[in-house]
């Protein structure tokens, strides 16, 4: 089963995932062996605990506000802002307010 976005069909990221009370919702935009793009919606107070990934990741906030911690340093981002999380660097995500993000991971 393919749960990627339909190709050759116009879409708006904001409309593709809904917030879920007390949870996190995700959807694959594109998933390939060389990397993937995912869309997430986080309810206020939700997050991803500190972890590392073996490749760089671009986090783009498309709605709301988030606190991203990279190598112990906090970064507050709001809709329209982005940050690159370097490969092998500890990072975490916390929804200061409910927010949506597009996460692009490029594998080497």
Protein backbone atom coordinates (compact mmCIF):
# COMPACT_ATOMS: atom_id res chain seq x y z
CA UNK A 1 0.00 0.00 0.00
CA UNK A 2 1.29 3.43 -0.96
CA UNK A 3 0.55 6.12 1.62
CA UNK A 4 2.46 8.90 -0.14
CA UNK A 5 0.79 12.00 -1.52
CA UNK A 6 -0.82 11.54 -4.92
CA UNK A 7 1.45 12.65 -7.76
CA UNK A 8 0.36 15.30 -10.27
CA UNK A 9 -2.28 16.61 -7.86
CA UNK A 10 -2.15 20.08 -6.32
CA UNK A 11 -2.25 20.24 -2.51
CA UNK A 12 -1.73 22.59 0.43
CA UNK A 13 0.33 21.17 3.33
CA UNK A 14 -1.90 22.92 5.89
CA UNK A 15 -4.93 20.96 4.68
CA UNK A 16 -3.27 17.54 4.48
CA UNK A 17 -3.09 16.69 8.22
CA UNK A 18 -5.43 17.61 11.05
CA UNK A 19 -4.51 18.14 14.67
CA UNK A 20 -5.36 15.27 17.02
CA UNK A 21 -6.13 15.98 20.68
CA UNK A 22 -3.18 14.82 22.80
CA UNK A 23 -1.27 13.41 19.86
CA UNK A 24 0.96 13.66 16.82
CA UNK A 25 -0.22 12.95 13.29
CA UNK A 26 2.14 12.25 10.39
CA UNK A 27 1.83 11.57 6.69
CA UNK A 28 4.46 10.66 4.09
CA UNK A 29 4.76 13.13 1.25
CA UNK A 30 7.54 11.21 -0.53
CA UNK A 31 9.41 8.18 0.82
CA UNK A 32 12.45 6.94 -1.09
CA UNK A 33 15.64 5.03 -0.20
CA UNK A 34 17.59 8.28 -0.72
CA UNK A 35 15.44 10.29 1.70
CA UNK A 36 11.93 11.29 2.56
CA UNK A 37 9.61 14.22 3.16
CA UNK A 38 7.01 13.95 5.92
CA UNK A 39 4.23 16.19 7.16
CA UNK A 40 3.46 16.35 10.91
CA UNK A 41 0.83 17.96 13.15
CA UNK A 42 1.63 18.21 16.87
CA UNK A 43 -0.93 19.15 19.51
CA UNK A 44 0.27 21.64 22.17
CA UNK A 45 2.50 19.91 24.73
CA UNK A 46 3.44 17.01 22.45
CA UNK A 47 6.92 16.41 21.06
CA UNK A 48 9.71 14.09 20.06
CA UNK A 49 12.22 13.24 22.78
CA UNK A 50 15.92 13.78 22.19
CA UNK A 51 17.38 11.49 19.54
CA UNK A 52 19.91 11.51 16.71
CA UNK A 53 19.67 10.69 13.01
CA UNK A 54 22.50 9.66 10.70
CA UNK A 55 21.64 12.35 8.14
CA UNK A 56 20.77 16.05 7.97
CA UNK A 57 17.11 17.03 8.36
CA UNK A 58 15.36 20.25 7.35
CA UNK A 59 12.46 21.21 9.63
CA UNK A 60 10.04 23.77 8.13
CA UNK A 61 7.30 25.17 10.39
CA UNK A 62 4.11 25.79 8.41
CA UNK A 63 1.69 26.53 11.29
CA UNK A 64 2.02 27.43 14.97
CA UNK A 65 5.15 27.51 17.14
CA UNK A 66 7.76 24.95 18.20
CA UNK A 67 10.85 24.73 20.39
CA UNK A 68 13.62 22.73 18.71
CA UNK A 69 16.66 21.81 20.79
CA UNK A 70 19.85 20.92 18.89
CA UNK A 71 23.03 19.98 20.78
CA UNK A 72 21.43 21.33 23.97
CA UNK A 73 20.69 24.76 22.45
CA UNK A 74 17.00 25.81 22.22
CA UNK A 75 15.57 27.43 19.09
CA UNK A 76 12.06 28.94 19.00
CA UNK A 77 10.50 28.78 15.55
CA UNK A 78 7.16 29.95 14.20
CA UNK A 79 5.27 29.50 10.94
CA UNK A 80 7.46 30.43 7.98
CA UNK A 81 10.74 29.63 9.75
CA UNK A 82 13.04 26.65 9.21
CA UNK A 83 16.13 25.06 10.74
CA UNK A 84 18.58 22.35 9.70
CA UNK A 85 19.30 19.65 12.25
CA UNK A 86 22.79 18.29 11.48
CA UNK A 87 23.45 14.58 11.14
CA UNK A 88 24.39 12.79 14.37
CA UNK A 89 23.49 15.80 16.55
CA UNK A 90 21.11 15.20 19.47
CA UNK A 91 17.85 17.05 18.85
CA UNK A 92 14.32 17.22 20.26
CA UNK A 93 11.04 18.89 19.30
CA UNK A 94 8.46 20.33 21.72
CA UNK A 95 5.16 21.92 20.70
CA UNK A 96 5.02 25.16 22.69
CA UNK A 97 1.77 25.72 20.79
CA UNK A 98 0.18 23.29 18.40
CA UNK A 99 2.11 23.32 15.16
CA UNK A 100 2.60 21.66 11.80
CA UNK A 101 5.92 20.99 10.12
CA UNK A 102 7.38 19.53 6.97
CA UNK A 103 10.45 17.40 7.67
CA UNK A 104 12.88 16.67 4.81
CA UNK A 105 15.58 14.07 5.43
CA UNK A 106 18.27 13.49 2.82
CA UNK A 107 20.23 10.27 3.16
CA UNK A 108 23.76 9.87 1.82
